[in-house]
Protein backbone atom coordinates (compact mmCIF):
# COMPACT_ATOMS: atom_id res chain seq x y z
CA MET A 1 37.85 -31.71 0.97
CA LYS A 2 38.36 -32.45 4.63
CA HIS A 3 42.09 -31.02 4.12
CA ARG A 4 39.97 -27.80 2.83
CA PRO A 5 37.34 -26.57 4.80
CA LEU A 6 36.97 -23.09 2.85
CA CYS A 7 36.70 -24.59 -0.53
CA THR A 8 34.15 -26.46 1.28
CA VAL A 9 32.10 -23.49 2.82
CA CYS A 10 32.46 -21.53 -0.19
CA LEU A 11 30.98 -24.76 -2.54
CA LEU A 12 28.11 -24.79 0.32
CA TRP A 13 27.64 -21.22 0.18
CA MET A 14 27.26 -21.79 -3.52
CA PHE A 15 24.45 -24.09 -3.18
CA LEU A 16 22.72 -22.32 -1.46
CA LEU A 17 22.52 -19.40 -3.40
CA ALA A 18 21.92 -21.27 -6.24
CA ALA A 19 18.71 -22.34 -4.42
CA VAL A 20 17.59 -19.45 -2.96
CA VAL A 21 17.91 -17.94 -6.56
CA TRP A 22 16.23 -20.86 -7.93
CA GLY A 23 13.25 -20.66 -5.63
CA GLY A 24 12.68 -17.29 -5.95
CA ARG A 25 12.83 -16.45 -9.80
CA GLU A 26 9.05 -16.67 -10.74
CA LYS A 27 8.97 -14.28 -7.71
CA ALA A 28 11.70 -11.87 -9.22
CA TYR A 29 10.49 -12.18 -12.67
CA THR A 30 7.26 -10.81 -11.04
CA PHE A 31 8.68 -7.97 -9.51
CA PHE A 32 11.12 -6.62 -12.62
CA SER A 33 8.67 -7.37 -15.72
CA PRO A 34 6.18 -4.77 -17.12
CA THR A 35 2.55 -5.28 -16.51
CA SER A 36 -0.08 -5.03 -19.28
CA ILE A 37 -1.00 -1.53 -17.82
CA THR A 38 2.51 -0.02 -18.00
CA SER A 39 3.04 -1.55 -21.91
CA ASP A 40 -0.65 -0.68 -23.06
CA ILE A 41 -1.95 2.82 -21.25
CA GLU A 42 0.21 6.03 -21.05
CA ASP A 43 0.44 8.25 -18.10
CA ASN A 44 -1.93 10.60 -17.28
CA GLU A 45 -4.47 8.77 -19.67
CA LYS A 46 -8.05 8.41 -18.61
CA VAL A 47 -9.34 5.47 -17.48
CA LEU A 48 -12.43 3.39 -15.85
CA VAL A 49 -11.36 0.76 -12.96
CA ALA A 50 -13.81 -1.51 -11.10
CA GLY A 51 -12.71 -3.47 -8.39
CA ALA A 52 -13.72 -4.20 -4.76
CA VAL A 53 -12.28 -2.22 -1.56
CA CYS A 54 -9.80 -3.87 0.51
CA LYS A 55 -7.90 -1.57 2.27
CA LYS A 56 -8.52 2.34 3.16
CA GLU A 57 -6.84 4.90 3.83
CA PHE A 58 -7.63 8.80 5.03
CA THR A 59 -5.39 11.54 5.72
CA GLU A 60 -6.07 15.73 5.68
CA ASN A 61 -6.40 15.81 1.91
CA ARG A 62 -7.36 13.09 0.21
CA ARG A 63 -9.36 9.01 0.80
CA SER A 64 -7.35 6.35 -0.45
CA TYR A 65 -8.96 3.23 -1.58
CA TYR A 66 -7.16 -0.04 -2.08
CA LEU A 67 -9.16 -2.12 -4.78
CA LYS A 68 -8.41 -6.08 -5.72
CA ASN A 69 -10.00 -8.09 -8.72
CA VAL A 70 -9.34 -4.82 -10.84
CA SER A 71 -10.59 -4.62 -14.50
CA ILE A 72 -9.13 -1.07 -16.11
CA TYR A 73 -10.92 -0.02 -19.53
CA SER A 74 -8.96 2.43 -21.30
CA TYR A 75 -10.68 5.02 -23.77
CA SER A 76 -7.92 5.52 -25.95
CA LYS A 77 -7.40 1.64 -26.65
CA GLU A 78 -11.77 1.12 -26.38
CA ARG A 79 -9.75 -2.55 -24.72
CA SER A 80 -9.93 -3.84 -20.70
CA LEU A 81 -7.10 -4.83 -18.84
CA LYS A 82 -7.13 -6.76 -15.40
CA GLU A 83 -5.05 -6.21 -12.64
CA SER A 84 -4.28 -7.66 -8.94
CA GLN A 85 -4.66 -4.19 -6.89
CA ILE A 86 -4.64 -0.73 -7.88
CA VAL A 87 -5.10 2.30 -5.53
CA ILE A 88 -7.87 5.41 -5.46
CA TYR A 89 -7.14 8.78 -4.45
CA ASP A 90 -10.22 10.61 -4.22
CA ARG A 91 -10.24 14.38 -2.92
CA ASN A 92 -14.04 15.14 -2.74
CA GLU A 93 -14.56 15.21 1.04
CA LYS A 94 -18.33 15.20 0.47
CA ARG A 95 -18.36 11.74 -0.99
CA LYS A 96 -20.63 9.60 0.43
CA ASN A 97 -18.04 7.00 2.57
CA ILE A 98 -17.16 3.78 0.76
CA CYS A 99 -16.75 0.68 2.99
CA TYR A 100 -14.79 -2.53 2.92
CA GLY A 101 -15.91 -4.88 0.22
CA ASN A 102 -18.16 -2.21 -1.66
CA VAL A 103 -17.65 -2.60 -5.39
CA ILE A 104 -17.05 0.59 -7.21
CA GLU A 105 -16.72 1.65 -10.59
CA VAL A 106 -13.91 4.96 -10.66
CA THR A 107 -13.51 7.13 -13.17
CA GLY A 108 -10.35 9.19 -13.47
CA LYS A 109 -7.00 9.61 -14.65
CA LEU A 110 -4.27 6.72 -14.03
CA LYS A 111 -0.78 7.50 -12.73
CA TYR A 112 2.46 5.39 -12.42
CA PHE A 113 4.42 5.93 -9.74
CA ASP A 114 7.75 7.85 -9.28
CA ASP A 115 11.42 6.13 -8.51
CA ALA A 116 13.60 7.48 -6.03
CA ARG A 117 15.06 10.76 -7.20
CA ASN A 118 18.22 10.20 -5.47
CA PRO A 119 20.44 7.37 -3.76
CA GLY A 120 18.66 6.95 -0.36
CA ASN A 121 15.40 8.28 -0.85
CA PHE A 122 12.43 6.57 -0.74
CA ASP A 123 11.52 4.71 -4.05
CA GLN A 124 7.41 4.83 -4.07
CA LYS A 125 7.27 2.83 -7.07
CA ALA A 126 9.32 -0.09 -5.90
CA TYR A 127 7.41 -0.01 -2.37
CA TYR A 128 3.95 -0.51 -4.36
CA LYS A 129 5.30 -3.18 -6.98
CA ARG A 130 6.14 -5.37 -3.82
CA GLN A 131 2.59 -4.93 -3.28
CA LYS A 132 1.71 -5.66 -6.90
CA ILE A 133 -0.02 -2.74 -7.35
CA HIS A 134 1.36 -0.43 -10.56
CA ALA A 135 -0.64 2.47 -10.71
CA SER A 136 -3.05 5.13 -9.38
CA VAL A 137 -6.08 6.81 -10.43
CA TRP A 138 -7.44 10.11 -9.34
CA ALA A 139 -11.03 9.88 -9.22
CA ASP A 140 -13.21 12.34 -11.18
CA LYS A 141 -16.45 10.34 -10.32
CA ILE A 142 -16.62 7.16 -7.88
CA LYS A 143 -20.29 5.21 -8.50
CA LEU A 144 -21.18 1.86 -6.28
CA GLN A 145 -21.70 -1.71 -8.01
CA SER A 146 -22.48 -3.33 -5.00
CA GLY A 147 -23.23 -2.57 -1.62
CA LYS A 148 -22.21 -5.57 -0.33
CA GLU A 149 -20.19 -4.71 3.16
CA ASN A 150 -17.50 -6.58 5.04
CA GLU A 151 -19.12 -5.69 8.43
CA ILE A 152 -15.95 -7.31 10.32
CA GLN A 153 -13.21 -5.19 8.31
CA GLU A 154 -15.32 -2.35 8.35
CA LYS A 155 -15.90 -2.31 12.39
CA LEU A 156 -12.17 -3.01 12.82
CA TRP A 157 -11.53 -0.28 10.50
CA ARG A 158 -13.74 2.03 12.55
CA LEU A 159 -12.65 1.16 16.18
CA LYS A 160 -9.01 2.17 14.42
CA MET A 161 -10.12 5.05 13.27
CA ALA A 162 -11.67 6.15 16.56
CA TRP A 163 -8.48 4.68 18.53
CA LYS A 164 -6.16 7.57 16.07
CA GLU A 165 -8.60 10.22 16.80
CA MET A 166 -8.67 10.01 20.55
CA LEU A 167 -4.82 9.34 20.71
CA ILE A 168 -4.37 13.12 18.37
CA LYS A 169 -6.68 14.55 21.00
CA VAL A 170 -4.96 13.46 23.93
CA LEU A 171 -1.41 14.06 22.74
CA GLY A 172 -1.46 16.36 20.21
CA GLU A 173 -1.00 15.50 16.64
CA GLU A 174 2.51 15.31 15.97
CA LYS A 175 3.55 12.92 19.36
CA GLY A 176 -0.48 11.51 18.74
CA GLY A 177 0.79 10.91 14.81
CA VAL A 178 3.97 8.82 15.42
CA LEU A 179 2.33 6.63 18.34
CA SER A 180 -0.54 6.14 15.52
CA ALA A 181 2.03 4.61 13.38
CA MET A 182 3.08 2.34 15.98
CA LEU A 183 0.54 1.17 17.92
CA LEU A 184 -2.29 1.28 14.72
CA GLY A 185 0.15 1.11 11.74
CA ASP A 186 -1.47 4.08 10.36
CA LYS A 187 1.13 6.72 9.36
CA SER A 188 -1.45 8.97 7.71
CA ALA A 189 -1.63 11.36 10.29
CA MET A 190 2.14 11.76 10.63
CA ASP A 191 4.34 15.19 9.48
CA PRO A 192 5.25 13.84 6.09
CA GLU A 193 8.87 15.52 7.08
CA LEU A 194 9.16 13.96 10.13
CA LYS A 195 8.03 10.66 8.43
CA GLU A 196 10.92 11.69 6.19
CA LEU A 197 13.55 11.85 8.81
CA TYR A 198 12.54 8.51 10.18
CA LYS A 199 13.82 7.22 6.86
CA VAL A 200 16.30 9.18 5.83
CA ASN A 201 18.28 7.74 9.68
CA GLY A 202 17.34 4.05 9.40
CA ILE A 203 14.83 3.98 12.23
CA ALA A 204 11.43 3.80 9.61
CA HIS A 205 11.25 -0.02 11.00
CA ILE A 206 9.77 1.06 14.89
CA LEU A 207 6.40 2.62 12.97
CA ALA A 208 5.76 -0.89 11.71
CA ILE A 209 3.24 -3.12 13.30
CA SER A 210 4.67 -5.32 15.97
CA GLY A 211 3.45 -6.80 18.98
CA VAL A 212 3.19 -4.04 21.12
CA GLN A 213 -0.38 -3.37 19.78
CA THR A 214 -1.28 -6.66 22.05
CA LEU A 215 -0.11 -4.18 25.30
CA PHE A 216 -2.41 -1.15 23.62
CA LEU A 217 -5.16 -3.49 23.63
CA ALA A 218 -5.20 -4.99 26.61
CA TYR A 219 -5.19 -1.29 28.48
CA THR A 220 -8.05 0.13 26.71
CA TRP A 221 -9.67 -3.03 28.28
CA LEU A 222 -8.65 -2.43 30.98
């Protein structure tokens, strides 16, 4: 082998690749295998969902609530299923604000995410699947089951929203929306066409949360 360095390198590469594949087999199986809801619940089917709020995102047209420890009841199948997470979309702006940690019960239609229509386009289905989210529900009714609140997360979220409003007020909607995405990780204020341009040109990573937030936080305290 010492006279065949290329063969040695190839063998080492094969061992490394085998180790990576073996170590990630469980994650790969989880990612590609269908979940119970995709096989048991039809798209656009009416369901009853219950879970605890672990994330919130507000845009001009809707509110998004991410739920964990989810129970989904299918009216047509008359059975309950379990999911780790699901996202709820709510267009009712008059509805009372829901806080982090609240357990809510939602009635609405379940929708599955779309695949990328063309090569290079945003793959909504793969994006949410990496987060272990396989479906969304457009809410008709939302009922509060438990008013228990995660005060720390809720206060941090309110602080984040205050910073976002300040950036948009000072810089305008376009520049404020971009800076809000860069500093706060909140892309909800960005223009959809501008957001798509970042993705198409392969520079969407600059909108990801990075160490620059530390500087921003320090500046606000000066």
